């Protein structure tokens, strides 16, 4: 039995390290230092803060974000978190809800 507990602890520690590494890579990929292609950002400036929020996502997800904000009368991204609808916003983007980009979007929304 002690061997099983030790194996579970090792697996948990390994999983935590892998998750932390994946989150760091995604965070770096979504960092504010990268310069997005201008064509992908067309129209996002209509919603205050949207460009900075989604500029590292695929263009299709960016356009879905803009459409969702328009449909829901969101003129600044801070309203998404204030209304408690971050999960609905992320779901509308067509990205994996439990993926690192989605997790980082939710964290960014909480900060705004």
PDB file of N, CA and C in Angstrom:
ATOM      1  N   UNK A   1       0.815  -1.203   0.000  1.00  0.00           N
ATOM      2  CA  UNK A   1       0.000   0.000   0.000  1.00  0.00           C
ATOM      3  C   UNK A   1       0.860   1.270   0.000  1.00  0.00           C
ATOM      4  N   UNK A   2       1.964   1.316   0.779  1.00  0.00           N
ATOM      5  CA  UNK A   2       2.788   2.525   0.737  1.00  0.00           C
ATOM      6  C   UNK A   2       3.361   2.801  -0.650  1.00  0.00           C
ATOM      7  N   UNK A   3       3.628   1.719  -1.418  1.00  0.00           N
ATOM      8  CA  UNK A   3       4.158   1.915  -2.769  1.00  0.00           C
ATOM      9  C   UNK A   3       3.132   2.570  -3.674  1.00  0.00           C
ATOM     10  N   UNK A   4       1.876   2.183  -3.514  1.00  0.00           N
ATOM     11  CA  UNK A   4       0.812   2.770  -4.324  1.00  0.00           C
ATOM     12  C   UNK A   4       0.661   4.254  -4.020  1.00  0.00           C
ATOM     13  N   UNK A   5       0.724   4.605  -2.736  1.00  0.00           N
ATOM     14  CA  UNK A   5       0.605   6.012  -2.355  1.00  0.00           C
ATOM     15  C   UNK A   5       1.768   6.825  -2.907  1.00  0.00           C
ATOM     16  N   UNK A   6       2.955   6.257  -2.882  1.00  0.00           N
ATOM     17  CA  UNK A   6       4.129   6.956  -3.411  1.00  0.00           C
ATOM     18  C   UNK A   6       3.999   7.145  -4.924  1.00  0.00           C
ATOM     19  N   UNK A   7       3.488   6.143  -5.609  1.00  0.00           N
ATOM     20  CA  UNK A   7       3.308   6.240  -7.051  1.00  0.00           C
ATOM     21  C   UNK A   7       2.280   7.310  -7.394  1.00  0.00           C
ATOM     22  N   UNK A   8       1.202   7.371  -6.645  1.00  0.00           N
ATOM     23  CA  UNK A   8       0.176   8.397  -6.869  1.00  0.00           C
ATOM     24  C   UNK A   8       0.762   9.783  -6.638  1.00  0.00           C
ATOM     25  N   UNK A   9       1.545   9.925  -5.589  1.00  0.00           N
ATOM     26  CA  UNK A   9       2.166  11.218  -5.284  1.00  0.00           C
ATOM     27  C   UNK A   9       3.116  11.634  -6.403  1.00  0.00           C
ATOM     28  N   UNK A  10       3.907  10.684  -6.918  1.00  0.00           N
ATOM     29  CA  UNK A  10       4.837  10.992  -8.022  1.00  0.00           C
ATOM     30  C   UNK A  10       4.054  11.402  -9.268  1.00  0.00           C
ATOM     31  N   UNK A  11       2.985  10.662  -9.573  1.00  0.00           N
ATOM     32  CA  UNK A  11       2.181  10.984 -10.752  1.00  0.00           C
ATOM     33  C   UNK A  11       1.525  12.351 -10.618  1.00  0.00           C
ATOM     34  N   UNK A  12       1.051  12.666  -9.426  1.00  0.00           N
ATOM     35  CA  UNK A  12       0.428  13.970  -9.197  1.00  0.00           C
ATOM     36  C   UNK A  12       1.441  15.092  -9.353  1.00  0.00           C
ATOM     37  N   UNK A  13       2.632  14.885  -8.814  1.00  0.00           N
ATOM     38  CA  UNK A  13       3.683  15.895  -8.917  1.00  0.00           C
ATOM     39  C   UNK A  13       4.098  16.089 -10.374  1.00  0.00           C
ATOM     40  N   UNK A  14       4.216  14.987 -11.102  1.00  0.00           N
ATOM     41  CA  UNK A  14       4.583  15.070 -12.519  1.00  0.00           C
ATOM     42  C   UNK A  14       3.501  15.793 -13.309  1.00  0.00           C
ATOM     43  N   UNK A  15       2.256  15.458 -13.042  1.00  0.00           N
ATOM     44  CA  UNK A  15       1.150  16.115 -13.736  1.00  0.00           C
ATOM     45  C   UNK A  15       1.134  17.611 -13.447  1.00  0.00           C
ATOM     46  N   UNK A  16       1.383  17.979 -12.205  1.00  0.00           N
ATOM     47  CA  UNK A  16       1.402  19.394 -11.838  1.00  0.00           C
ATOM     48  C   UNK A  16       2.524  20.132 -12.563  1.00  0.00           C
ATOM     49  N   UNK A  17       3.693  19.509 -12.652  1.00  0.00           N
ATOM     50  CA  UNK A  17       4.814  20.133 -13.360  1.00  0.00           C
ATOM     51  C   UNK A  17       4.515  20.292 -14.850  1.00  0.00           C
ATOM     52  N   UNK A  18       3.921  19.257 -15.451  1.00  0.00           N
ATOM     53  CA  UNK A  18       3.580  19.333 -16.871  1.00  0.00           C
ATOM     54  C   UNK A  18       2.547  20.423 -17.132  1.00  0.00           C
ATOM     55  N   UNK A  19       1.554  20.523 -16.260  1.00  0.00           N
ATOM     56  CA  UNK A  19       0.517  21.541 -16.409  1.00  0.00           C
ATOM     57  C   UNK A  19       1.118  22.941 -16.276  1.00  0.00           C
ATOM     58  N   UNK A  20       1.997  23.101 -15.291  1.00  0.00           N
ATOM     59  CA  UNK A  20       2.634  24.405 -15.090  1.00  0.00           C
ATOM     60  C   UNK A  20       3.471  24.787 -16.311  1.00  0.00           C
ATOM     61  N   UNK A  21       4.184  23.817 -16.872  1.00  0.00           N
ATOM     62  CA  UNK A  21       5.004  24.089 -18.053  1.00  0.00           C
ATOM     63  C   UNK A  21       4.127  24.451 -19.248  1.00  0.00           C
ATOM     64  N   UNK A  22       3.024  23.741 -19.432  1.00  0.00           N
ATOM     65  CA  UNK A  22       2.115  24.034 -20.547  1.00  0.00           C
ATOM     66  C   UNK A  22       1.497  25.414 -20.384  1.00  0.00           C
ATOM     67  N   UNK A  23       1.115  25.766 -19.166  1.00  0.00           N
ATOM     68  CA  UNK A  23       0.529  27.082 -18.928  1.00  0.00           C
ATOM     69  C   UNK A  23       1.553  28.181 -19.204  1.00  0.00           C
ATOM     70  N   UNK A  24       2.797  27.952 -18.815  1.00  0.00           N
ATOM     71  CA  UNK A  24       3.836  28.950 -19.059  1.00  0.00           C
ATOM     72  C   UNK A  24       4.068  29.138 -20.560  1.00  0.00           C
ATOM     73  N   UNK A  25       4.116  28.020 -21.310  1.00  0.00           N
ATOM     74  CA  UNK A  25       4.305  28.128 -22.764  1.00  0.00           C
ATOM     75  C   UNK A  25       3.143  28.878 -23.407  1.00  0.00           C
ATOM     76  N   UNK A  26       1.932  28.574 -22.984  1.00  0.00           N
ATOM     77  CA  UNK A  26       0.767  29.255 -23.543  1.00  0.00           C
ATOM     78  C   UNK A  26       0.772  30.728 -23.172  1.00  0.00           C
ATOM     79  N   UNK A  27       1.160  31.015 -21.939  1.00  0.00           N
ATOM     80  CA  UNK A  27       1.220  32.404 -21.492  1.00  0.00           C
ATOM     81  C   UNK A  27       2.238  33.183 -22.321  1.00  0.00           C
ATOM     82  N   UNK A  28       3.383  32.554 -22.590  1.00  0.00           N
ATOM     83  CA  UNK A  28       4.394  33.204 -23.409  1.00  0.00           C
ATOM     84  C   UNK A  28       3.884  33.415 -24.831  1.00  0.00           C
ATOM     85  N   UNK A  29       3.153  32.420 -25.348  1.00  0.00           N
ATOM     86  CA  UNK A  29       2.607  32.540 -26.696  1.00  0.00           C
ATOM     87  C   UNK A  29       1.562  33.639 -26.768  1.00  0.00           C
ATOM     88  N   UNK A  30       0.841  33.875 -25.666  1.00  0.00           N
ATOM     89  CA  UNK A  30      -0.199  34.898 -25.623  1.00  0.00           C
ATOM     90  C   UNK A  30       0.296  36.202 -25.004  1.00  0.00           C
ATOM     91  N   UNK A  31       1.601  36.311 -24.789  1.00  0.00           N
ATOM     92  CA  UNK A  31       2.137  37.483 -24.112  1.00  0.00           C
ATOM     93  C   UNK A  31       1.879  38.746 -24.913  1.00  0.00           C
ATOM     94  N   UNK A  32       1.890  39.844 -24.243  1.00  0.00           N
ATOM     95  CA  UNK A  32       1.628  41.135 -24.876  1.00  0.00           C
ATOM     96  C   UNK A  32       2.801  41.619 -25.720  1.00  0.00           C
ATOM     97  N   UNK A  33       3.925  40.874 -25.720  1.00  0.00           N
ATOM     98  CA  UNK A  33       5.107  41.291 -26.466  1.00  0.00           C
ATOM     99  C   UNK A  33       5.020  40.962 -27.948  1.00  0.00           C
ATOM    100  N   UNK A  34       4.265  39.940 -28.312  1.00  0.00           N
ATOM    101  CA  UNK A  34       4.167  39.535 -29.706  1.00  0.00           C
ATOM    102  C   UNK A  34       3.335  40.550 -30.487  1.00  0.00           C
ATOM    103  N   UNK A  35       3.629  40.680 -31.755  1.00  0.00           N
ATOM    104  CA  UNK A  35       2.895  41.617 -32.598  1.00  0.00           C
ATOM    105  C   UNK A  35       1.970  40.811 -33.503  1.00  0.00           C
ATOM    106  N   UNK A  36       0.670  40.979 -33.348  1.00  0.00           N
ATOM    107  CA  UNK A  36      -0.274  40.221 -34.167  1.00  0.00           C
ATOM    108  C   UNK A  36      -0.352  40.775 -35.581  1.00  0.00           C
ATOM    109  N   UNK A  37      -0.742  39.938 -36.527  1.00  0.00           N
ATOM    110  CA  UNK A  37      -0.912  40.442 -37.884  1.00  0.00           C
ATOM    111  C   UNK A  37      -2.093  41.414 -37.950  1.00  0.00           C
ATOM    112  N   UNK A  38      -1.913  42.583 -38.568  1.00  0.00           N
ATOM    113  CA  UNK A  38      -2.960  43.604 -38.575  1.00  0.00           C
ATOM    114  C   UNK A  38      -4.289  43.131 -39.158  1.00  0.00           C
ATOM    115  N   UNK A  39      -4.276  42.300 -40.200  1.00  0.00           N
ATOM    116  CA  UNK A  39      -5.523  41.858 -40.833  1.00  0.00           C
ATOM    117  C   UNK A  39      -6.397  41.085 -39.851  1.00  0.00           C
ATOM    118  N   UNK A  40      -5.782  40.341 -38.955  1.00  0.00           N
ATOM    119  CA  UNK A  40      -6.544  39.525 -38.016  1.00  0.00           C
ATOM    120  C   UNK A  40      -7.263  40.382 -36.981  1.00  0.00           C
ATOM    121  N   UNK A  41      -6.833  41.617 -36.807  1.00  0.00           N
ATOM    122  CA  UNK A  41      -7.387  42.469 -35.767  1.00  0.00           C
ATOM    123  C   UNK A  41      -8.428  43.460 -36.279  1.00  0.00           C
ATOM    124  N   UNK A  42      -8.730  43.412 -37.552  1.00  0.00           N
ATOM    125  CA  UNK A  42      -9.667  44.367 -38.132  1.00  0.00           C
ATOM    126  C   UNK A  42     -11.017  44.307 -37.424  1.00  0.00           C
ATOM    127  N   UNK A  43     -11.451  45.438 -36.925  1.00  0.00           N
ATOM    128  CA  UNK A  43     -12.751  45.527 -36.274  1.00  0.00           C
ATOM    129  C   UNK A  43     -12.735  45.318 -34.773  1.00  0.00           C
ATOM    130  N   UNK A  44     -11.701  44.691 -34.247  1.00  0.00           N
ATOM    131  CA  UNK A  44     -11.671  44.407 -32.815  1.00  0.00           C
ATOM    132  C   UNK A  44     -11.621  45.674 -31.968  1.00  0.00           C
ATOM    133  N   UNK A  45     -11.130  46.761 -32.546  1.00  0.00           N
ATOM    134  CA  UNK A  45     -11.029  48.013 -31.790  1.00  0.00           C
ATOM    135  C   UNK A  45     -12.400  48.604 -31.462  1.00  0.00           C
ATOM    136  N   UNK A  46     -13.454  48.052 -32.048  1.00  0.00           N
ATOM    137  CA  UNK A  46     -14.810  48.520 -31.747  1.00  0.00           C
ATOM    138  C   UNK A  46     -15.198  48.246 -30.295  1.00  0.00           C
ATOM    139  N   UNK A  47     -14.545  47.265 -29.684  1.00  0.00           N
ATOM    140  CA  UNK A  47     -14.826  46.899 -28.296  1.00  0.00           C
ATOM    141  C   UNK A  47     -13.560  47.176 -27.488  1.00  0.00           C
ATOM    142  N   UNK A  48     -13.647  48.090 -26.537  1.00  0.00           N
ATOM    143  CA  UNK A  48     -12.481  48.481 -25.745  1.00  0.00           C
ATOM    144  C   UNK A  48     -11.875  47.266 -25.042  1.00  0.00           C
ATOM    145  N   UNK A  49     -10.592  47.041 -25.276  1.00  0.00           N
ATOM    146  CA  UNK A  49      -9.861  45.963 -24.631  1.00  0.00           C
ATOM    147  C   UNK A  49      -9.925  44.627 -25.344  1.00  0.00           C
ATOM    148  N   UNK A  50     -10.736  44.506 -26.377  1.00  0.00           N
ATOM    149  CA  UNK A  50     -10.892  43.216 -27.051  1.00  0.00           C
ATOM    150  C   UNK A  50      -9.636  42.813 -27.815  1.00  0.00           C
ATOM    151  N   UNK A  51      -9.001  43.758 -28.463  1.00  0.00           N
ATOM    152  CA  UNK A  51      -7.780  43.444 -29.209  1.00  0.00           C
ATOM    153  C   UNK A  51      -6.741  42.818 -28.294  1.00  0.00           C
ATOM    154  N   UNK A  52      -6.482  43.437 -27.157  1.00  0.00           N
ATOM    155  CA  UNK A  52      -5.484  42.912 -26.225  1.00  0.00           C
ATOM    156  C   UNK A  52      -5.906  41.556 -25.652  1.00  0.00           C
ATOM    157  N   UNK A  53      -7.192  41.341 -25.531  1.00  0.00           N
ATOM    158  CA  UNK A  53      -7.694  40.098 -24.942  1.00  0.00           C
ATOM    159  C   UNK A  53      -7.548  38.907 -25.887  1.00  0.00           C
ATOM    160  N   UNK A  54      -7.834  39.089 -27.164  1.00  0.00           N
ATOM    161  CA  UNK A  54      -7.907  37.946 -28.079  1.00  0.00           C
ATOM    162  C   UNK A  54      -6.885  37.979 -29.211  1.00  0.00           C
ATOM    163  N   UNK A  55      -5.943  38.892 -29.192  1.00  0.00           N
ATOM    164  CA  UNK A  55      -5.050  39.059 -30.334  1.00  0.00           C
ATOM    165  C   UNK A  55      -4.124  37.887 -30.602  1.00  0.00           C
ATOM    166  N   UNK A  56      -3.988  36.933 -29.688  1.00  0.00           N
ATOM    167  CA  UNK A  56      -3.120  35.779 -29.909  1.00  0.00           C
ATOM    168  C   UNK A  56      -3.927  34.526 -30.284  1.00  0.00           C
ATOM    169  N   UNK A  57      -5.221  34.682 -30.424  1.00  0.00           N
ATOM    170  CA  UNK A  57      -6.087  33.572 -30.818  1.00  0.00           C
ATOM    171  C   UNK A  57      -6.181  33.506 -32.339  1.00  0.00           C
ATOM    172  N   UNK A  58      -6.614  32.368 -32.869  1.00  0.00           N
ATOM    173  CA  UNK A  58      -6.809  32.290 -34.321  1.00  0.00           C
ATOM    174  C   UNK A  58      -7.809  33.345 -34.791  1.00  0.00           C
ATOM    175  N   UNK A  59      -7.667  33.746 -36.039  1.00  0.00           N
ATOM    176  CA  UNK A  59      -8.517  34.813 -36.579  1.00  0.00           C
ATOM    177  C   UNK A  59     -10.004  34.461 -36.468  1.00  0.00           C
ATOM    178  N   UNK A  60     -10.353  33.201 -36.683  1.00  0.00           N
ATOM    179  CA  UNK A  60     -11.763  32.796 -36.588  1.00  0.00           C
ATOM    180  C   UNK A  60     -12.296  33.048 -35.179  1.00  0.00           C
ATOM    181  N   UNK A  61     -11.495  32.761 -34.166  1.00  0.00           N
ATOM    182  CA  UNK A  61     -11.918  32.986 -32.780  1.00  0.00           C
ATOM    183  C   UNK A  61     -12.035  34.483 -32.493  1.00  0.00           C
ATOM    184  N   UNK A  62     -11.143  35.277 -33.076  1.00  0.00           N
ATOM    185  CA  UNK A  62     -11.212  36.725 -32.891  1.00  0.00           C
ATOM    186  C   UNK A  62     -12.504  37.282 -33.478  1.00  0.00           C
ATOM    187  N   UNK A  63     -12.851  36.817 -34.663  1.00  0.00           N
ATOM    188  CA  UNK A  63     -14.077  37.303 -35.300  1.00  0.00           C
ATOM    189  C   UNK A  63     -15.315  36.849 -34.521  1.00  0.00           C
ATOM    190  N   UNK A  64     -15.279  35.642 -33.964  1.00  0.00           N
ATOM    191  CA  UNK A  64     -16.383  35.174 -33.124  1.00  0.00           C
ATOM    192  C   UNK A  64     -16.493  36.021 -31.861  1.00  0.00           C
ATOM    193  N   UNK A  65     -15.351  36.429 -31.321  1.00  0.00           N
ATOM    194  CA  UNK A  65     -15.357  37.281 -30.129  1.00  0.00           C
ATOM    195  C   UNK A  65     -16.017  38.622 -30.441  1.00  0.00           C
ATOM    196  N   UNK A  66     -15.666  39.200 -31.572  1.00  0.00           N
ATOM    197  CA  UNK A  66     -16.259  40.478 -31.975  1.00  0.00           C
ATOM    198  C   UNK A  66     -17.765  40.331 -32.199  1.00  0.00           C
ATOM    199  N   UNK A  67     -18.160  39.265 -32.885  1.00  0.00           N
ATOM    200  CA  UNK A  67     -19.586  39.033 -33.137  1.00  0.00           C
ATOM    201  C   UNK A  67     -20.342  38.831 -31.826  1.00  0.00           C
ATOM    202  N   UNK A  68     -19.762  38.066 -30.900  1.00  0.00           N
ATOM    203  CA  UNK A  68     -20.405  37.814 -29.613  1.00  0.00           C
ATOM    204  C   UNK A  68     -20.583  39.118 -28.846  1.00  0.00           C
ATOM    205  N   UNK A  69     -19.556  39.946 -28.834  1.00  0.00           N
ATOM    206  CA  UNK A  69     -19.652  41.228 -28.130  1.00  0.00           C
ATOM    207  C   UNK A  69     -20.738  42.101 -28.747  1.00  0.00           C
ATOM    208  N   UNK A  70     -20.814  42.120 -30.066  1.00  0.00           N
ATOM    209  CA  UNK A  70     -21.838  42.900 -30.742  1.00  0.00           C
ATOM    210  C   UNK A  70     -23.233  42.388 -30.400  1.00  0.00           C
ATOM    211  N   UNK A  71     -23.418  41.073 -30.469  1.00  0.00           N
ATOM    212  CA  UNK A  71     -24.724  40.468 -30.171  1.00  0.00           C
ATOM    213  C   UNK A  71     -25.155  40.698 -28.725  1.00  0.00           C
ATOM    214  N   UNK A  72     -24.180  40.788 -27.821  1.00  0.00           N
ATOM    215  CA  UNK A  72     -24.480  40.920 -26.394  1.00  0.00           C
ATOM    216  C   UNK A  72     -24.302  42.348 -25.883  1.00  0.00           C
ATOM    217  N   UNK A  73     -24.144  43.285 -26.819  1.00  0.00           N
ATOM    218  CA  UNK A  73     -24.025  44.705 -26.487  1.00  0.00           C
ATOM    219  C   UNK A  73     -22.896  44.999 -25.502  1.00  0.00           C
ATOM    220  N   UNK A  74     -21.782  44.328 -25.710  1.00  0.00           N
ATOM    221  CA  UNK A  74     -20.598  44.541 -24.885  1.00  0.00           C
ATOM    222  C   UNK A  74     -19.699  45.540 -25.615  1.00  0.00           C
ATOM    223  N   UNK A  75     -19.486  46.709 -25.019  1.00  0.00           N
ATOM    224  CA  UNK A  75     -18.643  47.720 -25.655  1.00  0.00           C
ATOM    225  C   UNK A  75     -17.262  47.817 -25.015  1.00  0.00           C
ATOM    226  N   UNK A  76     -17.062  47.082 -23.909  1.00  0.00           N
ATOM    227  CA  UNK A  76     -15.737  46.974 -23.297  1.00  0.00           C
ATOM    228  C   UNK A  76     -15.639  45.628 -22.587  1.00  0.00           C
ATOM    229  N   UNK A  77     -14.472  45.005 -22.650  1.00  0.00           N
ATOM    230  CA  UNK A  77     -14.328  43.643 -22.136  1.00  0.00           C
ATOM    231  C   UNK A  77     -14.541  43.539 -20.629  1.00  0.00           C
ATOM    232  N   UNK A  78     -14.356  44.607 -19.913  1.00  0.00           N
ATOM    233  CA  UNK A  78     -14.587  44.582 -18.468  1.00  0.00           C
ATOM    234  C   UNK A  78     -16.018  44.199 -18.113  1.00  0.00           C
ATOM    235  N   UNK A  79     -16.945  44.467 -19.019  1.00  0.00           N
ATOM    236  CA  UNK A  79     -18.342  44.119 -18.773  1.00  0.00           C
ATOM    237  C   UNK A  79     -18.567  42.608 -18.747  1.00  0.00           C
ATOM    238  N   UNK A  80     -17.742  41.880 -19.463  1.00  0.00           N
ATOM    239  CA  UNK A  80     -17.890  40.424 -19.511  1.00  0.00           C
ATOM    240  C   UNK A  80     -17.677  39.835 -18.125  1.00  0.00           C
ATOM    241  N   UNK A  81     -16.603  40.219 -17.476  1.00  0.00           N
ATOM    242  CA  UNK A  81     -16.331  39.723 -16.126  1.00  0.00           C
ATOM    243  C   UNK A  81     -17.327  40.297 -15.126  1.00  0.00           C
ATOM    244  N   UNK A  82     -17.640  41.573 -15.267  1.00  0.00           N
ATOM    245  CA  UNK A  82     -18.567  42.212 -14.328  1.00  0.00           C
ATOM    246  C   UNK A  82     -19.938  41.540 -14.350  1.00  0.00           C
ATOM    247  N   UNK A  83     -20.355  41.073 -15.519  1.00  0.00           N
ATOM    248  CA  UNK A  83     -21.653  40.409 -15.648  1.00  0.00           C
ATOM    249  C   UNK A  83     -21.574  38.919 -15.318  1.00  0.00           C
ATOM    250  N   UNK A  84     -20.366  38.417 -15.088  1.00  0.00           N
ATOM    251  CA  UNK A  84     -20.201  37.004 -14.749  1.00  0.00           C
ATOM    252  C   UNK A  84     -20.466  36.069 -15.922  1.00  0.00           C
ATOM    253  N   UNK A  85     -20.137  36.516 -17.133  1.00  0.00           N
ATOM    254  CA  UNK A  85     -20.427  35.713 -18.319  1.00  0.00           C
ATOM    255  C   UNK A  85     -19.165  35.329 -19.096  1.00  0.00           C
ATOM    256  N   UNK A  86     -18.054  35.238 -18.389  1.00  0.00           N
ATOM    257  CA  UNK A  86     -16.786  34.872 -19.039  1.00  0.00           C
ATOM    258  C   UNK A  86     -16.869  33.488 -19.671  1.00  0.00           C
ATOM    259  N   UNK A  87     -17.511  32.543 -19.001  1.00  0.00           N
ATOM    260  CA  UNK A  87     -17.619  31.187 -19.557  1.00  0.00           C
ATOM    261  C   UNK A  87     -18.412  31.186 -20.857  1.00  0.00           C
ATOM    262  N   UNK A  88     -19.480  31.953 -20.919  1.00  0.00           N
ATOM    263  CA  UNK A  88     -20.279  32.038 -22.145  1.00  0.00           C
ATOM    264  C   UNK A  88     -19.461  32.665 -23.268  1.00  0.00           C
ATOM    265  N   UNK A  89     -18.685  33.691 -22.933  1.00  0.00           N
ATOM    266  CA  UNK A  89     -17.832  34.340 -23.922  1.00  0.00           C
ATOM    267  C   UNK A  89     -16.821  33.351 -24.486  1.00  0.00           C
ATOM    268  N   UNK A  90     -16.117  32.647 -23.607  1.00  0.00           N
ATOM    269  CA  UNK A  90     -15.098  31.690 -24.049  1.00  0.00           C
ATOM    270  C   UNK A  90     -15.736  30.578 -24.881  1.00  0.00           C
ATOM    271  N   UNK A  91     -16.890  30.092 -24.461  1.00  0.00           N
ATOM    272  CA  UNK A  91     -17.578  29.024 -25.202  1.00  0.00           C
ATOM    273  C   UNK A  91     -17.936  29.461 -26.617  1.00  0.00           C
ATOM    274  N   UNK A  92     -18.245  30.731 -26.795  1.00  0.00           N
ATOM    275  CA  UNK A  92     -18.648  31.241 -28.104  1.00  0.00           C
ATOM    276  C   UNK A  92     -17.489  31.347 -29.089  1.00  0.00           C
ATOM    277  N   UNK A  93     -16.266  31.271 -28.599  1.00  0.00           N
ATOM    278  CA  UNK A  93     -15.103  31.463 -29.462  1.00  0.00           C
ATOM    279  C   UNK A  93     -14.720  30.227 -30.254  1.00  0.00           C
ATOM    280  N   UNK A  94     -15.281  29.083 -29.897  1.00  0.00           N
ATOM    281  CA  UNK A  94     -14.956  27.862 -30.619  1.00  0.00           C
ATOM    282  C   UNK A  94     -13.597  27.290 -30.277  1.00  0.00           C
ATOM    283  N   UNK A  95     -13.058  27.652 -29.110  1.00  0.00           N
ATOM    284  CA  UNK A  95     -11.793  27.080 -28.661  1.00  0.00           C
ATOM    285  C   UNK A  95     -12.098  26.072 -27.553  1.00  0.00           C
ATOM    286  N   UNK A  96     -11.164  25.189 -27.289  1.00  0.00           N
ATOM    287  CA  UNK A  96     -11.368  24.161 -26.270  1.00  0.00           C
ATOM    288  C   UNK A  96     -11.573  24.833 -24.912  1.00  0.00           C
ATOM    289  N   UNK A  97     -12.725  24.609 -24.268  1.00  0.00           N
ATOM    290  CA  UNK A  97     -13.043  25.301 -23.013  1.00  0.00           C
ATOM    291  C   UNK A  97     -12.053  25.040 -21.876  1.00  0.00           C
ATOM    292  N   UNK A  98     -11.418  23.869 -21.903  1.00  0.00           N
ATOM    293  CA  UNK A  98     -10.469  23.538 -20.836  1.00  0.00           C
ATOM    294  C   UNK A  98      -9.022  23.699 -21.284  1.00  0.00           C
ATOM    295  N   UNK A  99      -8.824  24.210 -22.484  1.00  0.00           N
ATOM    296  CA  UNK A  99      -7.471  24.426 -22.985  1.00  0.00           C
ATOM    297  C   UNK A  99      -6.816  25.633 -22.323  1.00  0.00           C
ATOM    298  N   UNK A 100      -5.524  25.684 -22.415  1.00  0.00           N
ATOM    299  CA  UNK A 100      -4.771  26.763 -21.773  1.00  0.00           C
ATOM    300  C   UNK A 100      -5.172  28.139 -22.308  1.00  0.00           C
ATOM    301  N   UNK A 101      -5.370  28.336 -23.625  1.00  0.00           N
ATOM    302  CA  UNK A 101      -5.805  29.668 -24.075  1.00  0.00           C
ATOM    303  C   UNK A 101      -7.114  30.093 -23.421  1.00  0.00           C
ATOM    304  N   UNK A 102      -8.054  29.171 -23.268  1.00  0.00           N
ATOM    305  CA  UNK A 102      -9.334  29.506 -22.626  1.00  0.00           C
ATOM    306  C   UNK A 102      -9.126  29.853 -21.159  1.00  0.00           C
ATOM    307  N   UNK A 103      -8.275  29.101 -20.487  1.00  0.00           N
ATOM    308  CA  UNK A 103      -7.985  29.385 -19.074  1.00  0.00           C
ATOM    309  C   UNK A 103      -7.347  30.763 -18.920  1.00  0.00           C
ATOM    310  N   UNK A 104      -6.420  31.077 -19.826  1.00  0.00           N
ATOM    311  CA  UNK A 104      -5.763  32.383 -19.761  1.00  0.00           C
ATOM    312  C   UNK A 104      -6.730  33.521 -20.075  1.00  0.00           C
ATOM    313  N   UNK A 105      -7.656  33.288 -21.003  1.00  0.00           N
ATOM    314  CA  UNK A 105      -8.666  34.315 -21.286  1.00  0.00           C
ATOM    315  C   UNK A 105      -9.487  34.615 -20.042  1.00  0.00           C
ATOM    316  N   UNK A 106      -9.905  33.566 -19.352  1.00  0.00           N
ATOM    317  CA  UNK A 106     -10.699  33.775 -18.131  1.00  0.00           C
ATOM    318  C   UNK A 106      -9.893  34.550 -17.088  1.00  0.00           C
ATOM    319  N   UNK A 107      -8.604  34.225 -16.948  1.00  0.00           N
ATOM    320  CA  UNK A 107      -7.760  34.950 -15.998  1.00  0.00           C
ATOM    321  C   UNK A 107      -7.628  36.417 -16.400  1.00  0.00           C
ATOM    322  N   UNK A 108      -7.432  36.681 -17.681  1.00  0.00           N
ATOM    323  CA  UNK A 108      -7.316  38.067 -18.155  1.00  0.00           C
ATOM    324  C   UNK A 108      -8.596  38.842 -17.899  1.00  0.00           C
ATOM    325  N   UNK A 109      -9.734  38.189 -18.111  1.00  0.00           N
ATOM    326  CA  UNK A 109     -11.022  38.849 -17.868  1.00  0.00           C
ATOM    327  C   UNK A 109     -11.183  39.216 -16.405  1.00  0.00           C
ATOM    328  N   UNK A 110     -10.709  38.387 -15.508  1.00  0.00           N
ATOM    329  CA  UNK A 110     -10.813  38.685 -14.079  1.00  0.00           C
ATOM    330  C   UNK A 110      -9.976  39.907 -13.711  1.00  0.00           C
ATOM    331  N   UNK A 111      -8.852  40.088 -14.419  1.00  0.00           N
ATOM    332  CA  UNK A 111      -7.959  41.222 -14.138  1.00  0.00           C
ATOM    333  C   UNK A 111      -8.548  42.542 -14.642  1.00  0.00           C
ATOM    334  N   UNK A 112      -9.256  42.475 -15.763  1.00  0.00           N
ATOM    335  CA  UNK A 112      -9.777  43.716 -16.390  1.00  0.00           C
ATOM    336  C   UNK A 112     -10.904  44.331 -15.604  1.00  0.00           C
TER     337      UNK A 112
END
